[in-house]
Amino acid sequence: MQYFIGREKELKRLEEIKGSYKSEFIAVYGRRRVGKTMLIKQVFKNEFVFHVTAIANVTKQQQLLNFATALRKYDPTATQKPVPTNWFFAFQQLIQYLEQSPAEKKVIFLDELPWFDNQKSDFIQSLEHFWNSWADARQDIILIVCGSAASWMINSLINNRGGLHNRVTERIQVEPFNLKETEELLRLKNPSIDHYQVLQLYMVMGGIPFYLEAVRGDQSAIQNIDRICFSKDGLLRTEFENLYRALFRNSDLHVTAVRAIASKSKGLTRSEILEQTRLPDSGATTKLLDELEKSGFIRRYSPFKRQKRESLYQLVDFYSLFYLKFMENSDPLDENTWINMIDNPAQRAWSGYAFEQVCLYHIRQIKLALGISGILTQTSGWRSKQKKDGAQIDLVIDRRDQVINLCEMKFSIAPFTITKAYAEQLMHKIGVFREETKTNKALHLIMITTMGLARNNWSDTLIRSDLTMDVLFKD
């Protein structure tokens, strides 16, 4: 990359912290491959007085050796010291080195922090002692910890109920790129790439910079997807199992839950997940779902005007969805796998669902396009309680100004035509929504499509606002 893309707020805050008058404890977390380490290195560059990256799935002794080896790269005298046998002594060696460092600001970077915390490793207690007994009393320490296991970072560190309670001075969640940022990255490779090509890649990879870096500018979106996802040596060919294994202990259970949730596009209730997976109805399953949610793989949402116990869990990780739908059972020796799938029923159904998820990730841009950015709103989905002749609405924007926007999202390769049959479906949805919710608010029907609507009597009569994919690319 020729220059750093996005993350303006995060960059500004980290730059401010560099000038802090006191010691700072910064926690950076976000989905694996989202660019956390790159963000930190962009700000602090060569200013680290100590940097170590934990190793996944190794013993406590191996982690301690890794820590000691990293320290020896910065402190030549550490070669004369034994490899520590526990984390308390490891941090004592670090303190001895830091006290001799002439650096005005001593920037310490512990990457993939959750991997250090083996069972019964005493790592958290030792980190707590390091901060509370030494670092916090100084004015020259910037301790940066980073982790992809977001649930661990939140529960064990940020919301720690022990000695680290309220010790983190700054928390930064690194989100996937939005479409605007993704377009900016991809235009470094192909300056003429259009929104439709960017959208296709986003629907497969999401806004994950590491994945998007594999895109070649001399290939179309379809060709890139074929190469990256379906070829024998494609970057994402085996990413699925590695992704979950690197983040979660007993990752097989997490994958089991993800597979079940992926089986229904609108998501499953907790009881439906238990029924499909045979997972126990216990706190362990609640924790598992919480870990998946905080790590950005699933979302939990309550349909419009429903109780929290009726919440649905929905798979929202673009790559996981695509892998389970198309990649898992594909033959890596088949050429042009994705090209040959274009416009078959499974591909059309997936395109519609993936486009919905893209829209849901860009609600701020949708509100901006509707001119309601300054109006307080609540967003949700809705599905009818009726099993026969029921209805569902992908996105409901409930506005404080006594209006509800009912948003329909449609993916197509040409302007979308509202036929008489589809118009009747829309009118049915509006009627059932009004009847079941008992709302007196004005109902505005919004269409969000890739290429816009083909104008006809139905579109002119029913649709209050016609938005195209272009609005999703706004900043």
Foldseek 3Di string as FASTA:
>chain_A
DPDDFDPVVVLVVVLVVQPFQAEAEEEEEAAPLQQRVVSVCVNCVPVALFEFEADAPDDLQVRLVRLLVRNCVNPVCSVVPDRDPALLVSLVVVVVVVVPDPDQAHEYEYEQVVRNDDVPRCNLVSVLCSCPVPRRVGRRYYYYYYHLLQLCCVDCAACNPPSNDVVHPYYHYRYADALQRQLVVLCVQPVPDDSVQSLLLCLAQNRRVVLSVQDHRVDTSLVSCCQQDQAPPHVNLPVPVVSQSRRDDVSVLLVLLLLQQLVDQVAAQPVSSCVRRVDDPDVVVVSSLVSCCSSPQWHWFDAPPDDSNRIGIHGLRSNVSCCSQQNVPHDNVDHSRSVVCPPDPSVQVSVQSSQLSSCVVQVCLVCVVVVNNPWDWDKHWHWFPDPPLIDIASIWIGTPVLEIEGEDEHEDPEAAECDPVNLVNVVSHVVRCCVPVVGPGHYAYEYEYAHWHDDDPSCVPHHPYIHHCVSSNDD
